[in-house]
Amino acid sequence: MEKTIRKHLNGLDSYNQSDYQKQLEICQLGKLLVTYLPDFSIEEVREKPDFIISDGKKRVAIEHQCILSQ
């Protein structure tokens, strides 16, 4: 998973709330990719949509949203 997300975490500050949130989203997406979509990688980190992922043939826009069950 580290090789999937490491370059996207560089430069983010854990003490900055918005950077911390982006780190969390990158880690969660990284887990999803290595578990369910191993052919895909993070191509771009942005705000709207949050991510662009690609397998080299297809590009997919991802908007990160947490869904929690009470």
PDB file of N, CA and C in Angstrom:
ATOM      1  N   MET A   1       0.825  -1.188   0.000  1.00  0.00           N
ATOM      2  CA  MET A   1       0.000   0.000   0.000  1.00  0.00           C
ATOM      3  C   MET A   1       0.871   1.254   0.000  1.00  0.00           C
ATOM      4  N   GLU A   2       2.014   1.182   0.672  1.00  0.00           N
ATOM      5  CA  GLU A   2       2.857   2.378   0.775  1.00  0.00           C
ATOM      6  C   GLU A   2       3.252   2.911  -0.601  1.00  0.00           C
ATOM      7  N   LYS A   3       3.612   2.030  -1.520  1.00  0.00           N
ATOM      8  CA  LYS A   3       4.020   2.530  -2.842  1.00  0.00           C
ATOM      9  C   LYS A   3       2.849   3.158  -3.592  1.00  0.00           C
ATOM     10  N   THR A   4       1.620   2.763  -3.230  1.00  0.00           N
ATOM     11  CA  THR A   4       0.427   3.335  -3.858  1.00  0.00           C
ATOM     12  C   THR A   4       0.170   4.762  -3.399  1.00  0.00           C
ATOM     13  N   ILE A   5       0.477   5.066  -2.134  1.00  0.00           N
ATOM     14  CA  ILE A   5       0.077   6.369  -1.580  1.00  0.00           C
ATOM     15  C   ILE A   5       1.221   7.294  -1.188  1.00  0.00           C
ATOM     16  N   ARG A   6       2.426   6.788  -1.009  1.00  0.00           N
ATOM     17  CA  ARG A   6       3.537   7.575  -0.441  1.00  0.00           C
ATOM     18  C   ARG A   6       3.724   8.925  -1.127  1.00  0.00           C
ATOM     19  N   LYS A   7       3.801   8.950  -2.453  1.00  0.00           N
ATOM     20  CA  LYS A   7       4.090  10.217  -3.144  1.00  0.00           C
ATOM     21  C   LYS A   7       2.975  11.247  -2.956  1.00  0.00           C
ATOM     22  N   HIS A   8       1.757  10.779  -2.675  1.00  0.00           N
ATOM     23  CA  HIS A   8       0.636  11.702  -2.488  1.00  0.00           C
ATOM     24  C   HIS A   8       0.578  12.260  -1.067  1.00  0.00           C
ATOM     25  N   LEU A   9       1.275  11.610  -0.136  1.00  0.00           N
ATOM     26  CA  LEU A   9       1.308  12.087   1.249  1.00  0.00           C
ATOM     27  C   LEU A   9       2.415  13.112   1.487  1.00  0.00           C
ATOM     28  N   ASN A  10       3.438  13.097   0.641  1.00  0.00           N
ATOM     29  CA  ASN A  10       4.557  14.027   0.801  1.00  0.00           C
ATOM     30  C   ASN A  10       4.071  15.473   0.767  1.00  0.00           C
ATOM     31  N   GLY A  11       4.551  16.250   1.703  1.00  0.00           N
ATOM     32  CA  GLY A  11       4.211  17.666   1.749  1.00  0.00           C
ATOM     33  C   GLY A  11       2.970  17.997   2.559  1.00  0.00           C
ATOM     34  N   LEU A  12       2.219  16.980   2.987  1.00  0.00           N
ATOM     35  CA  LEU A  12       1.034  17.234   3.813  1.00  0.00           C
ATOM     36  C   LEU A  12       1.446  17.282   5.282  1.00  0.00           C
ATOM     37  N   ASP A  13       0.885  18.212   6.025  1.00  0.00           N
ATOM     38  CA  ASP A  13       1.218  18.439   7.426  1.00  0.00           C
ATOM     39  C   ASP A  13       0.135  17.850   8.321  1.00  0.00           C
ATOM     40  N   SER A  14       0.501  16.876   9.136  1.00  0.00           N
ATOM     41  CA  SER A  14      -0.459  16.199  10.025  1.00  0.00           C
ATOM     42  C   SER A  14      -1.084  17.145  11.048  1.00  0.00           C
ATOM     43  N   TYR A  15      -0.421  18.266  11.327  1.00  0.00           N
ATOM     44  CA  TYR A  15      -0.933  19.204  12.318  1.00  0.00           C
ATOM     45  C   TYR A  15      -1.910  20.206  11.722  1.00  0.00           C
ATOM     46  N   ASN A  16      -2.003  20.236  10.411  1.00  0.00           N
ATOM     47  CA  ASN A  16      -2.952  21.097   9.714  1.00  0.00           C
ATOM     48  C   ASN A  16      -4.222  20.281   9.475  1.00  0.00           C
ATOM     49  N   GLN A  17      -5.375  20.755   9.935  1.00  0.00           N
ATOM     50  CA  GLN A  17      -6.621  19.977   9.887  1.00  0.00           C
ATOM     51  C   GLN A  17      -6.988  19.538   8.469  1.00  0.00           C
ATOM     52  N   SER A  18      -6.896  20.431   7.500  1.00  0.00           N
ATOM     53  CA  SER A  18      -7.282  20.050   6.130  1.00  0.00           C
ATOM     54  C   SER A  18      -6.286  19.055   5.534  1.00  0.00           C
ATOM     55  N   ASP A  19      -4.993  19.213   5.840  1.00  0.00           N
ATOM     56  CA  ASP A  19      -4.001  18.246   5.374  1.00  0.00           C
ATOM     57  C   ASP A  19      -4.211  16.891   6.049  1.00  0.00           C
ATOM     58  N   TYR A  20      -4.530  16.912   7.346  1.00  0.00           N
ATOM     59  CA  TYR A  20      -4.789  15.667   8.066  1.00  0.00           C
ATOM     60  C   TYR A  20      -5.973  14.927   7.441  1.00  0.00           C
ATOM     61  N   GLN A  21      -7.028  15.668   7.111  1.00  0.00           N
ATOM     62  CA  GLN A  21      -8.209  15.062   6.491  1.00  0.00           C
ATOM     63  C   GLN A  21      -7.851  14.456   5.138  1.00  0.00           C
ATOM     64  N   LYS A  22      -7.031  15.153   4.355  1.00  0.00           N
ATOM     65  CA  LYS A  22      -6.623  14.645   3.048  1.00  0.00           C
ATOM     66  C   LYS A  22      -5.756  13.396   3.217  1.00  0.00           C
ATOM     67  N   GLN A  23      -4.888  13.368   4.238  1.00  0.00           N
ATOM     68  CA  GLN A  23      -4.079  12.179   4.512  1.00  0.00           C
ATOM     69  C   GLN A  23      -4.978  10.986   4.819  1.00  0.00           C
ATOM     70  N   LEU A  24      -5.989  11.208   5.623  1.00  0.00           N
ATOM     71  CA  LEU A  24      -6.931  10.156   5.977  1.00  0.00           C
ATOM     72  C   LEU A  24      -7.630   9.619   4.729  1.00  0.00           C
ATOM     73  N   GLU A  25      -8.084  10.522   3.867  1.00  0.00           N
ATOM     74  CA  GLU A  25      -8.761  10.113   2.635  1.00  0.00           C
ATOM     75  C   GLU A  25      -7.821   9.331   1.717  1.00  0.00           C
ATOM     76  N   ILE A  26      -6.579   9.768   1.607  1.00  0.00           N
ATOM     77  CA  ILE A  26      -5.598   9.069   0.772  1.00  0.00           C
ATOM     78  C   ILE A  26      -5.355   7.662   1.307  1.00  0.00           C
ATOM     79  N   CYS A  27      -5.211   7.531   2.615  1.00  0.00           N
ATOM     80  CA  CYS A  27      -4.988   6.213   3.219  1.00  0.00           C
ATOM     81  C   CYS A  27      -6.191   5.296   3.012  1.00  0.00           C
ATOM     82  N   GLN A  28      -7.385   5.819   3.179  1.00  0.00           N
ATOM     83  CA  GLN A  28      -8.581   5.005   2.985  1.00  0.00           C
ATOM     84  C   GLN A  28      -8.724   4.574   1.531  1.00  0.00           C
ATOM     85  N   LEU A  29      -8.464   5.476   0.599  1.00  0.00           N
ATOM     86  CA  LEU A  29      -8.524   5.112  -0.810  1.00  0.00           C
ATOM     87  C   LEU A  29      -7.426   4.108  -1.146  1.00  0.00           C
ATOM     88  N   GLY A  30      -6.246   4.288  -0.575  1.00  0.00           N
ATOM     89  CA  GLY A  30      -5.147   3.344  -0.794  1.00  0.00           C
ATOM     90  C   GLY A  30      -5.532   1.932  -0.367  1.00  0.00           C
ATOM     91  N   LYS A  31      -6.187   1.800   0.781  1.00  0.00           N
ATOM     92  CA  LYS A  31      -6.647   0.484   1.247  1.00  0.00           C
ATOM     93  C   LYS A  31      -7.655  -0.120   0.284  1.00  0.00           C
ATOM     94  N   LEU A  32      -8.575   0.704  -0.202  1.00  0.00           N
ATOM     95  CA  LEU A  32      -9.568   0.230  -1.171  1.00  0.00           C
ATOM     96  C   LEU A  32      -8.884  -0.268  -2.441  1.00  0.00           C
ATOM     97  N   LEU A  33      -7.930   0.498  -2.936  1.00  0.00           N
ATOM     98  CA  LEU A  33      -7.261   0.123  -4.182  1.00  0.00           C
ATOM     99  C   LEU A  33      -6.482  -1.180  -4.054  1.00  0.00           C
ATOM    100  N   VAL A  34      -5.664  -1.315  -3.005  1.00  0.00           N
ATOM    101  CA  VAL A  34      -4.858  -2.533  -2.888  1.00  0.00           C
ATOM    102  C   VAL A  34      -5.716  -3.754  -2.591  1.00  0.00           C
ATOM    103  N   THR A  35      -6.876  -3.554  -1.965  1.00  0.00           N
ATOM    104  CA  THR A  35      -7.742  -4.669  -1.617  1.00  0.00           C
ATOM    105  C   THR A  35      -8.652  -5.089  -2.762  1.00  0.00           C
ATOM    106  N   TYR A  36      -9.287  -4.133  -3.421  1.00  0.00           N
ATOM    107  CA  TYR A  36     -10.318  -4.458  -4.402  1.00  0.00           C
ATOM    108  C   TYR A  36      -9.976  -4.078  -5.846  1.00  0.00           C
ATOM    109  N   LEU A  37      -9.112  -3.107  -6.032  1.00  0.00           N
ATOM    110  CA  LEU A  37      -8.802  -2.631  -7.392  1.00  0.00           C
ATOM    111  C   LEU A  37      -7.281  -2.537  -7.585  1.00  0.00           C
ATOM    112  N   PRO A  38      -6.564  -3.658  -7.491  1.00  0.00           N
ATOM    113  CA  PRO A  38      -5.098  -3.604  -7.518  1.00  0.00           C
ATOM    114  C   PRO A  38      -4.509  -3.095  -8.835  1.00  0.00           C
ATOM    115  N   ASP A  39      -5.270  -3.104  -9.910  1.00  0.00           N
ATOM    116  CA  ASP A  39      -4.768  -2.597 -11.190  1.00  0.00           C
ATOM    117  C   ASP A  39      -4.824  -1.076 -11.272  1.00  0.00           C
ATOM    118  N   PHE A  40      -5.537  -0.440 -10.333  1.00  0.00           N
ATOM    119  CA  PHE A  40      -5.691   1.008 -10.347  1.00  0.00           C
ATOM    120  C   PHE A  40      -4.688   1.665  -9.408  1.00  0.00           C
ATOM    121  N   SER A  41      -4.329   2.899  -9.726  1.00  0.00           N
ATOM    122  CA  SER A  41      -3.466   3.692  -8.850  1.00  0.00           C
ATOM    123  C   SER A  41      -3.998   5.123  -8.832  1.00  0.00           C
ATOM    124  N   ILE A  42      -3.573   5.869  -7.831  1.00  0.00           N
ATOM    125  CA  ILE A  42      -3.989   7.261  -7.721  1.00  0.00           C
ATOM    126  C   ILE A  42      -3.193   8.062  -8.742  1.00  0.00           C
ATOM    127  N   GLU A  43      -3.889   8.673  -9.646  1.00  0.00           N
ATOM    128  CA  GLU A  43      -3.253   9.481 -10.684  1.00  0.00           C
ATOM    129  C   GLU A  43      -3.148  10.943 -10.245  1.00  0.00           C
ATOM    130  N   GLU A  44      -4.195  11.410  -9.540  1.00  0.00           N
ATOM    131  CA  GLU A  44      -4.248  12.827  -9.179  1.00  0.00           C
ATOM    132  C   GLU A  44      -5.021  13.002  -7.874  1.00  0.00           C
ATOM    133  N   VAL A  45      -4.508  13.849  -6.986  1.00  0.00           N
ATOM    134  CA  VAL A  45      -5.196  14.228  -5.752  1.00  0.00           C
ATOM    135  C   VAL A  45      -5.640  15.669  -5.936  1.00  0.00           C
ATOM    136  N   ARG A  46      -6.928  15.933  -5.723  1.00  0.00           N
ATOM    137  CA  ARG A  46      -7.485  17.263  -5.949  1.00  0.00           C
ATOM    138  C   ARG A  46      -8.624  17.511  -4.973  1.00  0.00           C
ATOM    139  N   GLU A  47      -9.489  18.459  -5.240  1.00  0.00           N
ATOM    140  CA  GLU A  47     -10.606  18.748  -4.332  1.00  0.00           C
ATOM    141  C   GLU A  47     -11.956  18.311  -4.879  1.00  0.00           C
ATOM    142  N   LYS A  48     -12.282  18.622  -6.091  1.00  0.00           N
ATOM    143  CA  LYS A  48     -13.578  18.233  -6.658  1.00  0.00           C
ATOM    144  C   LYS A  48     -13.353  17.686  -8.047  1.00  0.00           C
ATOM    145  N   PRO A  49     -13.410  16.417  -8.283  1.00  0.00           N
ATOM    146  CA  PRO A  49     -13.517  15.336  -7.315  1.00  0.00           C
ATOM    147  C   PRO A  49     -12.220  15.196  -6.513  1.00  0.00           C
ATOM    148  N   ASP A  50     -12.272  14.419  -5.449  1.00  0.00           N
ATOM    149  CA  ASP A  50     -11.118  14.287  -4.566  1.00  0.00           C
ATOM    150  C   ASP A  50      -9.936  13.598  -5.227  1.00  0.00           C
ATOM    151  N   PHE A  51     -10.219  12.622  -6.086  1.00  0.00           N
ATOM    152  CA  PHE A  51      -9.159  11.828  -6.703  1.00  0.00           C
ATOM    153  C   PHE A  51      -9.516  11.457  -8.129  1.00  0.00           C
ATOM    154  N   ILE A  52      -8.475  11.234  -8.911  1.00  0.00           N
ATOM    155  CA  ILE A  52      -8.603  10.575 -10.205  1.00  0.00           C
ATOM    156  C   ILE A  52      -7.751   9.319 -10.083  1.00  0.00           C
ATOM    157  N   ILE A  53      -8.349   8.162 -10.355  1.00  0.00           N
ATOM    158  CA  ILE A  53      -7.592   6.915 -10.349  1.00  0.00           C
ATOM    159  C   ILE A  53      -7.574   6.377 -11.774  1.00  0.00           C
ATOM    160  N   SER A  54      -6.577   5.541 -12.058  1.00  0.00           N
ATOM    161  CA  SER A  54      -6.445   5.020 -13.409  1.00  0.00           C
ATOM    162  C   SER A  54      -5.793   3.642 -13.390  1.00  0.00           C
ATOM    163  N   ASP A  55      -6.163   2.839 -14.376  1.00  0.00           N
ATOM    164  CA  ASP A  55      -5.487   1.554 -14.577  1.00  0.00           C
ATOM    165  C   ASP A  55      -4.633   1.592 -15.844  1.00  0.00           C
ATOM    166  N   GLY A  56      -4.444   2.771 -16.399  1.00  0.00           N
ATOM    167  CA  GLY A  56      -3.682   2.936 -17.622  1.00  0.00           C
ATOM    168  C   GLY A  56      -4.556   3.004 -18.860  1.00  0.00           C
ATOM    169  N   LYS A  57      -5.772   2.484 -18.744  1.00  0.00           N
ATOM    170  CA  LYS A  57      -6.719   2.528 -19.859  1.00  0.00           C
ATOM    171  C   LYS A  57      -7.917   3.403 -19.516  1.00  0.00           C
ATOM    172  N   LYS A  58      -8.419   3.242 -18.299  1.00  0.00           N
ATOM    173  CA  LYS A  58      -9.591   3.987 -17.837  1.00  0.00           C
ATOM    174  C   LYS A  58      -9.184   4.966 -16.750  1.00  0.00           C
ATOM    175  N   ARG A  59      -9.843   6.128 -16.731  1.00  0.00           N
ATOM    176  CA  ARG A  59      -9.688   7.101 -15.657  1.00  0.00           C
ATOM    177  C   ARG A  59     -11.041   7.222 -14.958  1.00  0.00           C
ATOM    178  N   VAL A  60     -11.014   7.213 -13.611  1.00  0.00           N
ATOM    179  CA  VAL A  60     -12.244   7.274 -12.828  1.00  0.00           C
ATOM    180  C   VAL A  60     -12.106   8.382 -11.787  1.00  0.00           C
ATOM    181  N   ALA A  61     -13.127   9.231 -11.691  1.00  0.00           N
ATOM    182  CA  ALA A  61     -13.159  10.294 -10.691  1.00  0.00           C
ATOM    183  C   ALA A  61     -13.767   9.735  -9.404  1.00  0.00           C
ATOM    184  N   ILE A  62     -13.158  10.063  -8.273  1.00  0.00           N
ATOM    185  CA  ILE A  62     -13.618   9.584  -6.961  1.00  0.00           C
ATOM    186  C   ILE A  62     -13.899  10.786  -6.066  1.00  0.00           C
ATOM    187  N   GLU A  63     -15.093  10.832  -5.505  1.00  0.00           N
ATOM    188  CA  GLU A  63     -15.421  11.812  -4.474  1.00  0.00           C
ATOM    189  C   GLU A  63     -15.548  11.036  -3.167  1.00  0.00           C
ATOM    190  N   HIS A  64     -14.643  11.295  -2.225  1.00  0.00           N
ATOM    191  CA  HIS A  64     -14.599  10.547  -0.969  1.00  0.00           C
ATOM    192  C   HIS A  64     -15.738  10.994  -0.053  1.00  0.00           C
ATOM    193  N   GLN A  65     -16.441  10.021   0.519  1.00  0.00           N
ATOM    194  CA  GLN A  65     -17.517  10.304   1.454  1.00  0.00           C
ATOM    195  C   GLN A  65     -17.535   9.197   2.507  1.00  0.00           C
ATOM    196  N   CYS A  66     -17.520   9.565   3.777  1.00  0.00           N
ATOM    197  CA  CYS A  66     -17.619   8.577   4.856  1.00  0.00           C
ATOM    198  C   CYS A  66     -19.080   8.262   5.109  1.00  0.00           C
ATOM    199  N   ILE A  67     -19.369   6.987   5.219  1.00  0.00           N
ATOM    200  CA  ILE A  67     -20.707   6.536   5.562  1.00  0.00           C
ATOM    201  C   ILE A  67     -20.596   5.735   6.842  1.00  0.00           C
ATOM    202  N   LEU A  68     -21.244   6.215   7.890  1.00  0.00           N
ATOM    203  CA  LEU A  68     -21.147   5.572   9.196  1.00  0.00           C
ATOM    204  C   LEU A  68     -22.527   5.086   9.622  1.00  0.00           C
ATOM    205  N   SER A  69     -22.514   3.943  10.268  1.00  0.00           N
ATOM    206  CA  SER A  69     -23.764   3.399  10.802  1.00  0.00           C
ATOM    207  C   SER A  69     -23.837   3.701  12.283  1.00  0.00           C
ATOM    208  N   GLN A  70     -24.958   4.268  12.727  1.00  0.00           N
ATOM    209  CA  GLN A  70     -25.135   4.551  14.150  1.00  0.00           C
ATOM    210  C   GLN A  70     -25.388   3.265  14.849  1.00  0.00           C
TER     211      GLN A  70
END
